[in-house]
Amino acid sequence: MQNSEGIFICQRKYIREILTRFGMENSNAVKNPIVSGTKLSKNDGGATVDSTMFKQLVGSLLYLTATRPDIVYAVSLISIFMSCPSESHWPTAKCILRYLKGTTKLGIFYKKGGGSTNVVAYSDNDFAGDLDDRRSTFGCVFFFGFGAV
């Protein structure tokens, strides 16, 4: 949507399509895309699930991250398990969908004119947080003026 104040980019329709595709259109909304402190492992002993369906879900969510930086960490976390997802990974993926259910109207607003031409960056790390190989997870967002780039 574009108006005299700027441009608002939202993927409301796409979110509804994702929720319908994965049977979550009638789910209850949650306030966070992932439960704080969630740790997932490749070797959790759970039964494996349909990897094609899991890959489709992760792919859909990755496309959505272009306008929803609030879900990037959670989507990155579950994308690690695309090759061999287990039953323990689905609840985390469904939590992201439930979060999207309650936040369909969110997006990115790029304000017209004015604003600072400075670049501001924010980052966060989870040092050695991966239970399998002790790798760190890193996330960052850059702002130019009023919008995330």
Foldseek 3Di string as FASTA:
>chain_A
DADPFFDWDADLVLLCVLCVVVVNLPPAADAALADPPDADALPPPAAWDDLVVVVVLLVSVVVRCVFPVRCVVLSVRLVVCSVTHGPVSVVSSVSNSSNCSVPRPGTWTDTPDDFAQDKDKDKDKDQLRHPPPRHMDMDMWIDGGRTTD
